[in-house]
Amino acid sequence: MATTLAGANLNERVYDALRTRILTRQEPAGAKLSLHALADEIGVSRSPVHHALTRLVSEGLLTVQPRRGYFVSPVTVRAVAEGYDVRLALELLAAERSVGHIHDTQLERYTELLETTDAAISHEQWDAANAAFHEHQIDLAGNALLSRFYRELSVNLMMQVIRGGHVEGHANLVTEHRRIVDAFLAADLQAAERAIREHIETGRRIALDAIERAGGVL
């Protein structure tokens, strides 16, 4: 059992390290990542590196090309636009299934997560608090498959690349979060859908503006 846990922990540590390098663009878009070179650099066997690279491919942060290897995926206008379309659809579906049908304790937790986003003072805190806030909204629908798809949605990770350690419009984003929670508290589905659409469009605009400033790709 100890060996299994150690292996699992090592897999997570290598994955977290490589994921951070990609999200902070220490590994730029289009860069080739060598399994063998990374294993030597990190000082581990190839197995945890392969495990990490495979996960990063599934998340859309890497692409794999036959006989060529792994490459850091660029963040493009099309990828962001399509990702936000899917995110909007999932959040609206979750709202339809949950608004007016959830317990007070779940709403209290939603309010707590809202306040956590408001209190975030670093980009690391914001990323964690913002993810928890939106994942809770999805989880309120009580559909495990929906929750899994949402967590694997690459556009959420793309935004961390786009922000590059900066949070743009924090106060406005929290205000939009508050409108969503207020609609859930009032059991007002139409208000919740309007607030979700507004919030998604804000994120889409921030992302597309950043990509345009960068010349069309990040």
C-alpha atoms as a PDB file:
ATOM      1  CA  MET A   1       0.000   0.000   0.000  1.00  0.00           C
ATOM      2  CA  ALA A   2       2.813   2.432   0.860  1.00  0.00           C
ATOM      3  CA  THR A   3       4.405   1.907  -2.543  1.00  0.00           C
ATOM      4  CA  THR A   4       1.102   2.579  -4.310  1.00  0.00           C
ATOM      5  CA  LEU A   5       0.537   5.799  -2.371  1.00  0.00           C
ATOM      6  CA  ALA A   6       4.079   6.952  -3.006  1.00  0.00           C
ATOM      7  CA  GLY A   7       3.627   6.313  -6.707  1.00  0.00           C
ATOM      8  CA  ALA A   8       0.334   8.192  -6.777  1.00  0.00           C
ATOM      9  CA  ASN A   9       1.843  11.135  -4.906  1.00  0.00           C
ATOM     10  CA  LEU A  10       4.805  11.223  -7.278  1.00  0.00           C
ATOM     11  CA  ASN A  11       2.475  11.215 -10.274  1.00  0.00           C
ATOM     12  CA  GLU A  12       0.600  14.193  -8.819  1.00  0.00           C
ATOM     13  CA  ARG A  13       3.761  16.135  -8.009  1.00  0.00           C
ATOM     14  CA  VAL A  14       5.150  15.712 -11.514  1.00  0.00           C
ATOM     15  CA  TYR A  15       1.790  16.568 -13.048  1.00  0.00           C
ATOM     16  CA  ASP A  16       1.418  19.696 -10.896  1.00  0.00           C
ATOM     17  CA  ALA A  17       4.932  20.856 -11.763  1.00  0.00           C
ATOM     18  CA  LEU A  18       4.467  20.439 -15.512  1.00  0.00           C
ATOM     19  CA  ARG A  19       0.976  21.921 -15.449  1.00  0.00           C
ATOM     20  CA  THR A  20       2.271  25.016 -13.659  1.00  0.00           C
ATOM     21  CA  ARG A  21       5.051  25.443 -16.209  1.00  0.00           C
ATOM     22  CA  ILE A  22       2.522  25.366 -19.038  1.00  0.00           C
ATOM     23  CA  LEU A  23      -0.073  27.600 -17.372  1.00  0.00           C
ATOM     24  CA  THR A  24       2.561  30.246 -16.606  1.00  0.00           C
ATOM     25  CA  ARG A  25       4.012  29.862 -20.120  1.00  0.00           C
ATOM     26  CA  GLN A  26       7.442  28.891 -18.889  1.00  0.00           C
ATOM     27  CA  GLU A  27       6.877  26.425 -21.721  1.00  0.00           C
ATOM     28  CA  PRO A  28       5.636  28.653 -24.575  1.00  0.00           C
ATOM     29  CA  ALA A  29       2.996  27.776 -27.132  1.00  0.00           C
ATOM     30  CA  GLY A  30       4.359  25.301 -29.667  1.00  0.00           C
ATOM     31  CA  ALA A  31       7.253  24.181 -27.471  1.00  0.00           C
ATOM     32  CA  LYS A  32       8.127  20.488 -27.727  1.00  0.00           C
ATOM     33  CA  LEU A  33       8.255  18.546 -24.476  1.00  0.00           C
ATOM     34  CA  SER A  34      10.477  15.486 -24.410  1.00  0.00           C
ATOM     35  CA  LEU A  35       9.453  12.679 -22.074  1.00  0.00           C
ATOM     36  CA  HIS A  36      13.070  11.531 -21.668  1.00  0.00           C
ATOM     37  CA  ALA A  37      14.477  15.031 -21.162  1.00  0.00           C
ATOM     38  CA  LEU A  38      11.810  15.921 -18.607  1.00  0.00           C
ATOM     39  CA  ALA A  39      12.408  12.710 -16.662  1.00  0.00           C
ATOM     40  CA  ASP A  40      16.133  13.478 -16.513  1.00  0.00           C
ATOM     41  CA  GLU A  41      15.532  17.112 -15.571  1.00  0.00           C
ATOM     42  CA  ILE A  42      13.048  16.335 -12.800  1.00  0.00           C
ATOM     43  CA  GLY A  43      15.011  13.322 -11.621  1.00  0.00           C
ATOM     44  CA  VAL A  44      12.291  10.703 -11.886  1.00  0.00           C
ATOM     45  CA  SER A  45      11.555   7.695 -14.051  1.00  0.00           C
ATOM     46  CA  ARG A  46       9.665   8.104 -17.310  1.00  0.00           C
ATOM     47  CA  SER A  47       6.454   6.617 -15.904  1.00  0.00           C
ATOM     48  CA  PRO A  48       5.222   9.621 -13.838  1.00  0.00           C
ATOM     49  CA  VAL A  49       6.229  11.993 -16.631  1.00  0.00           C
ATOM     50  CA  HIS A  50       4.266   9.955 -19.168  1.00  0.00           C
ATOM     51  CA  HIS A  51       1.319   9.912 -16.765  1.00  0.00           C
ATOM     52  CA  ALA A  52       1.479  13.716 -16.462  1.00  0.00           C
ATOM     53  CA  LEU A  53       1.827  14.322 -20.187  1.00  0.00           C
ATOM     54  CA  THR A  54      -1.149  12.082 -20.916  1.00  0.00           C
ATOM     55  CA  ARG A  55      -3.317  14.027 -18.444  1.00  0.00           C
ATOM     56  CA  LEU A  56      -2.210  17.336 -19.924  1.00  0.00           C
ATOM     57  CA  VAL A  57      -3.178  16.112 -23.391  1.00  0.00           C
ATOM     58  CA  SER A  58      -6.638  15.152 -22.119  1.00  0.00           C
ATOM     59  CA  GLU A  59      -7.007  18.650 -20.631  1.00  0.00           C
ATOM     60  CA  GLY A  60      -6.110  20.300 -23.918  1.00  0.00           C
ATOM     61  CA  LEU A  61      -2.913  21.898 -22.636  1.00  0.00           C
ATOM     62  CA  LEU A  62      -0.757  19.638 -24.811  1.00  0.00           C
ATOM     63  CA  THR A  63      -1.184  17.992 -28.171  1.00  0.00           C
ATOM     64  CA  VAL A  64       0.562  14.805 -29.192  1.00  0.00           C
ATOM     65  CA  GLN A  65       1.797  14.243 -32.729  1.00  0.00           C
ATOM     66  CA  PRO A  66       2.633  10.693 -33.874  1.00  0.00           C
ATOM     67  CA  ARG A  67       6.379  10.039 -34.047  1.00  0.00           C
ATOM     68  CA  ARG A  68       7.078  13.659 -33.096  1.00  0.00           C
ATOM     69  CA  GLY A  69       6.088  13.983 -29.451  1.00  0.00           C
ATOM     70  CA  TYR A  70       4.246  16.392 -27.188  1.00  0.00           C
ATOM     71  CA  PHE A  71       3.716  20.086 -27.915  1.00  0.00           C
ATOM     72  CA  VAL A  72       2.301  22.939 -25.844  1.00  0.00           C
ATOM     73  CA  SER A  73      -1.107  23.840 -27.258  1.00  0.00           C
ATOM     74  CA  PRO A  74      -1.594  27.445 -28.383  1.00  0.00           C
ATOM     75  CA  VAL A  75      -4.540  29.400 -27.032  1.00  0.00           C
ATOM     76  CA  THR A  76      -6.374  30.672 -30.108  1.00  0.00           C
ATOM     77  CA  VAL A  77      -9.475  32.755 -30.728  1.00  0.00           C
ATOM     78  CA  ARG A  78     -11.327  29.716 -32.056  1.00  0.00           C
ATOM     79  CA  ALA A  79     -10.383  27.511 -29.095  1.00  0.00           C
ATOM     80  CA  VAL A  80     -11.538  30.137 -26.599  1.00  0.00           C
ATOM     81  CA  ALA A  81     -14.762  30.922 -28.462  1.00  0.00           C
ATOM     82  CA  GLU A  82     -15.722  27.259 -28.755  1.00  0.00           C
ATOM     83  CA  GLY A  83     -14.732  26.562 -25.159  1.00  0.00           C
ATOM     84  CA  TYR A  84     -16.891  29.371 -23.828  1.00  0.00           C
ATOM     85  CA  ASP A  85     -19.841  28.168 -25.911  1.00  0.00           C
ATOM     86  CA  VAL A  86     -19.589  24.763 -24.244  1.00  0.00           C
ATOM     87  CA  ARG A  87     -19.071  26.262 -20.789  1.00  0.00           C
ATOM     88  CA  LEU A  88     -22.182  28.421 -21.207  1.00  0.00           C
ATOM     89  CA  ALA A  89     -24.258  25.421 -22.246  1.00  0.00           C
ATOM     90  CA  LEU A  90     -23.119  23.391 -19.224  1.00  0.00           C
ATOM     91  CA  GLU A  91     -23.713  26.194 -16.731  1.00  0.00           C
ATOM     92  CA  LEU A  92     -27.179  26.948 -18.117  1.00  0.00           C
ATOM     93  CA  LEU A  93     -28.093  23.257 -17.976  1.00  0.00           C
ATOM     94  CA  ALA A  94     -26.899  23.021 -14.382  1.00  0.00           C
ATOM     95  CA  ALA A  95     -28.922  26.105 -13.447  1.00  0.00           C
ATOM     96  CA  GLU A  96     -32.047  24.717 -15.099  1.00  0.00           C
ATOM     97  CA  ARG A  97     -31.705  21.526 -13.050  1.00  0.00           C
ATOM     98  CA  SER A  98     -30.904  23.200  -9.730  1.00  0.00           C
ATOM     99  CA  VAL A  99     -32.477  26.661  -9.315  1.00  0.00           C
ATOM    100  CA  GLY A 100     -35.408  26.291  -6.928  1.00  0.00           C
ATOM    101  CA  HIS A 101     -34.599  22.640  -6.232  1.00  0.00           C
ATOM    102  CA  ILE A 102     -31.674  22.739  -3.798  1.00  0.00           C
ATOM    103  CA  HIS A 103     -31.276  22.772  -0.023  1.00  0.00           C
ATOM    104  CA  ASP A 104     -30.480  25.774   2.151  1.00  0.00           C
ATOM    105  CA  THR A 105     -27.147  24.237   3.137  1.00  0.00           C
ATOM    106  CA  GLN A 106     -26.110  24.108  -0.522  1.00  0.00           C
ATOM    107  CA  LEU A 107     -27.069  27.755  -0.969  1.00  0.00           C
ATOM    108  CA  GLU A 108     -25.158  28.691   2.169  1.00  0.00           C
ATOM    109  CA  ARG A 109     -22.081  26.995   0.759  1.00  0.00           C
ATOM    110  CA  TYR A 110     -22.550  28.898  -2.511  1.00  0.00           C
ATOM    111  CA  THR A 111     -22.618  32.183  -0.546  1.00  0.00           C
ATOM    112  CA  GLU A 112     -19.458  31.180   1.317  1.00  0.00           C
ATOM    113  CA  LEU A 113     -17.660  30.477  -1.959  1.00  0.00           C
ATOM    114  CA  LEU A 114     -18.808  33.848  -3.305  1.00  0.00           C
ATOM    115  CA  GLU A 115     -17.204  35.590  -0.340  1.00  0.00           C
ATOM    116  CA  THR A 116     -14.017  33.598  -0.879  1.00  0.00           C
ATOM    117  CA  THR A 117     -13.733  34.967  -4.415  1.00  0.00           C
ATOM    118  CA  ASP A 118     -14.272  38.471  -3.046  1.00  0.00           C
ATOM    119  CA  ALA A 119     -11.490  37.995  -0.492  1.00  0.00           C
ATOM    120  CA  ALA A 120      -8.927  36.600  -2.968  1.00  0.00           C
ATOM    121  CA  ILE A 121      -5.835  38.827  -3.009  1.00  0.00           C
ATOM    122  CA  SER A 122      -3.490  36.859  -5.268  1.00  0.00           C
ATOM    123  CA  HIS A 123      -3.959  35.188  -8.613  1.00  0.00           C
ATOM    124  CA  GLU A 124      -3.374  31.797  -6.980  1.00  0.00           C
ATOM    125  CA  GLN A 125      -6.161  32.476  -4.481  1.00  0.00           C
ATOM    126  CA  TRP A 126      -8.423  33.773  -7.252  1.00  0.00           C
ATOM    127  CA  ASP A 127      -7.877  30.727  -9.465  1.00  0.00           C
ATOM    128  CA  ALA A 128      -8.717  28.358  -6.609  1.00  0.00           C
ATOM    129  CA  ALA A 129     -11.689  30.361  -5.323  1.00  0.00           C
ATOM    130  CA  ASN A 130     -13.126  31.023  -8.777  1.00  0.00           C
ATOM    131  CA  ALA A 131     -12.848  27.363  -9.769  1.00  0.00           C
ATOM    132  CA  ALA A 132     -14.541  26.256  -6.538  1.00  0.00           C
ATOM    133  CA  PHE A 133     -17.344  28.780  -7.046  1.00  0.00           C
ATOM    134  CA  HIS A 134     -18.194  27.650 -10.560  1.00  0.00           C
ATOM    135  CA  GLU A 135     -17.707  23.955  -9.865  1.00  0.00           C
ATOM    136  CA  HIS A 136     -20.155  24.220  -6.953  1.00  0.00           C
ATOM    137  CA  GLN A 137     -22.747  25.775  -9.267  1.00  0.00           C
ATOM    138  CA  ILE A 138     -22.341  22.805 -11.594  1.00  0.00           C
ATOM    139  CA  ASP A 139     -22.377  20.299  -8.728  1.00  0.00           C
ATOM    140  CA  LEU A 140     -25.726  21.669  -7.526  1.00  0.00           C
ATOM    141  CA  ALA A 141     -27.319  19.876 -10.494  1.00  0.00           C
ATOM    142  CA  GLY A 142     -26.419  16.540  -8.899  1.00  0.00           C
ATOM    143  CA  ASN A 143     -25.097  15.049 -12.142  1.00  0.00           C
ATOM    144  CA  ALA A 144     -21.673  13.462 -11.686  1.00  0.00           C
ATOM    145  CA  LEU A 145     -21.016  13.213 -15.432  1.00  0.00           C
ATOM    146  CA  LEU A 146     -21.835  16.885 -15.929  1.00  0.00           C
ATOM    147  CA  SER A 147     -19.488  17.809 -13.094  1.00  0.00           C
ATOM    148  CA  ARG A 148     -16.674  15.754 -14.581  1.00  0.00           C
ATOM    149  CA  PHE A 149     -17.081  17.243 -18.052  1.00  0.00           C
ATOM    150  CA  TYR A 150     -17.058  20.742 -16.596  1.00  0.00           C
ATOM    151  CA  ARG A 151     -13.866  20.144 -14.630  1.00  0.00           C
ATOM    152  CA  GLU A 152     -12.161  18.785 -17.733  1.00  0.00           C
ATOM    153  CA  LEU A 153     -13.200  21.761 -19.874  1.00  0.00           C
ATOM    154  CA  SER A 154      -9.980  23.160 -21.301  1.00  0.00           C
ATOM    155  CA  VAL A 155     -11.221  26.747 -21.549  1.00  0.00           C
ATOM    156  CA  ASN A 156     -11.061  27.034 -17.767  1.00  0.00           C
ATOM    157  CA  LEU A 157      -7.348  26.205 -17.914  1.00  0.00           C
ATOM    158  CA  MET A 158      -6.869  28.465 -20.940  1.00  0.00           C
ATOM    159  CA  MET A 159      -7.963  31.431 -18.840  1.00  0.00           C
ATOM    160  CA  GLN A 160      -5.089  30.782 -16.432  1.00  0.00           C
ATOM    161  CA  VAL A 161      -2.692  30.915 -19.390  1.00  0.00           C
ATOM    162  CA  ILE A 162      -4.331  34.083 -20.698  1.00  0.00           C
ATOM    163  CA  ARG A 163      -4.224  35.868 -17.350  1.00  0.00           C
ATOM    164  CA  GLY A 164      -0.555  35.052 -16.903  1.00  0.00           C
ATOM    165  CA  GLY A 165      -0.685  35.671 -13.160  1.00  0.00           C
ATOM    166  CA  HIS A 166      -2.949  38.713 -13.324  1.00  0.00           C
ATOM    167  CA  VAL A 167      -6.655  39.015 -12.515  1.00  0.00           C
ATOM    168  CA  GLU A 168      -8.404  41.582 -14.695  1.00  0.00           C
ATOM    169  CA  GLY A 169     -11.557  43.273 -13.407  1.00  0.00           C
ATOM    170  CA  HIS A 170     -11.690  41.449 -10.048  1.00  0.00           C
ATOM    171  CA  ALA A 171     -14.375  43.691  -8.552  1.00  0.00           C
ATOM    172  CA  ASN A 172     -16.609  43.390 -11.608  1.00  0.00           C
ATOM    173  CA  LEU A 173     -16.231  39.611 -11.713  1.00  0.00           C
ATOM    174  CA  VAL A 174     -17.222  39.347  -8.044  1.00  0.00           C
ATOM    175  CA  THR A 175     -20.244  41.578  -8.697  1.00  0.00           C
ATOM    176  CA  GLU A 176     -21.296  39.194 -11.450  1.00  0.00           C
ATOM    177  CA  HIS A 177     -20.787  36.230  -9.107  1.00  0.00           C
ATOM    178  CA  ARG A 178     -23.053  37.966  -6.598  1.00  0.00           C
ATOM    179  CA  ARG A 179     -25.809  38.383  -9.191  1.00  0.00           C
ATOM    180  CA  ILE A 180     -25.685  34.655  -9.921  1.00  0.00           C
ATOM    181  CA  VAL A 181     -25.899  33.721  -6.238  1.00  0.00           C
ATOM    182  CA  ASP A 182     -28.696  36.235  -5.594  1.00  0.00           C
ATOM    183  CA  ALA A 183     -30.726  34.637  -8.394  1.00  0.00           C
ATOM    184  CA  PHE A 184     -30.191  31.187  -6.909  1.00  0.00           C
ATOM    185  CA  LEU A 185     -31.219  32.463  -3.475  1.00  0.00           C
ATOM    186  CA  ALA A 186     -34.383  33.941  -4.978  1.00  0.00           C
ATOM    187  CA  ALA A 187     -35.073  30.690  -6.908  1.00  0.00           C
ATOM    188  CA  ASP A 188     -35.341  32.870 -10.036  1.00  0.00           C
ATOM    189  CA  LEU A 189     -34.223  30.776 -12.998  1.00  0.00           C
ATOM    190  CA  GLN A 190     -34.551  33.556 -15.581  1.00  0.00           C
ATOM    191  CA  ALA A 191     -32.415  35.908 -13.481  1.00  0.00           C
ATOM    192  CA  ALA A 192     -29.851  33.143 -12.956  1.00  0.00           C
ATOM    193  CA  GLU A 193     -29.651  32.469 -16.691  1.00  0.00           C
ATOM    194  CA  ARG A 194     -29.200  36.191 -17.437  1.00  0.00           C
ATOM    195  CA  ALA A 195     -26.474  36.494 -14.803  1.00  0.00           C
ATOM    196  CA  ILE A 196     -24.665  33.386 -16.065  1.00  0.00           C
ATOM    197  CA  ARG A 197     -24.784  34.630 -19.668  1.00  0.00           C
ATOM    198  CA  GLU A 198     -23.436  38.021 -18.616  1.00  0.00           C
ATOM    199  CA  HIS A 199     -20.607  36.441 -16.657  1.00  0.00           C
ATOM    200  CA  ILE A 200     -19.625  34.046 -19.429  1.00  0.00           C
ATOM    201  CA  GLU A 201     -19.571  36.889 -21.953  1.00  0.00           C
ATOM    202  CA  THR A 202     -17.316  38.925 -19.656  1.00  0.00           C
ATOM    203  CA  GLY A 203     -14.844  36.052 -19.472  1.00  0.00           C
ATOM    204  CA  ARG A 204     -15.020  35.524 -23.222  1.00  0.00           C
ATOM    205  CA  ARG A 205     -14.362  39.230 -23.864  1.00  0.00           C
ATOM    206  CA  ILE A 206     -11.388  39.342 -21.476  1.00  0.00           C
ATOM    207  CA  ALA A 207      -9.893  36.267 -23.138  1.00  0.00           C
ATOM    208  CA  LEU A 208     -10.403  37.401 -26.720  1.00  0.00           C
ATOM    209  CA  ASP A 209      -9.052  40.887 -25.991  1.00  0.00           C
ATOM    210  CA  ALA A 210      -5.909  39.380 -24.459  1.00  0.00           C
ATOM    211  CA  ILE A 211      -5.379  37.098 -27.456  1.00  0.00           C
ATOM    212  CA  GLU A 212      -5.875  40.010 -29.855  1.00  0.00           C
ATOM    213  CA  ARG A 213      -3.272  42.060 -27.968  1.00  0.00           C
ATOM    214  CA  ALA A 214      -0.890  39.116 -28.256  1.00  0.00           C
ATOM    215  CA  GLY A 215      -1.296  38.952 -32.018  1.00  0.00           C
ATOM    216  CA  GLY A 216      -3.938  36.253 -32.263  1.00  0.00           C
ATOM    217  CA  VAL A 217      -2.389  33.430 -30.248  1.00  0.00           C
ATOM    218  CA  LEU A 218      -0.945  32.828 -26.780  1.00  0.00           C
END
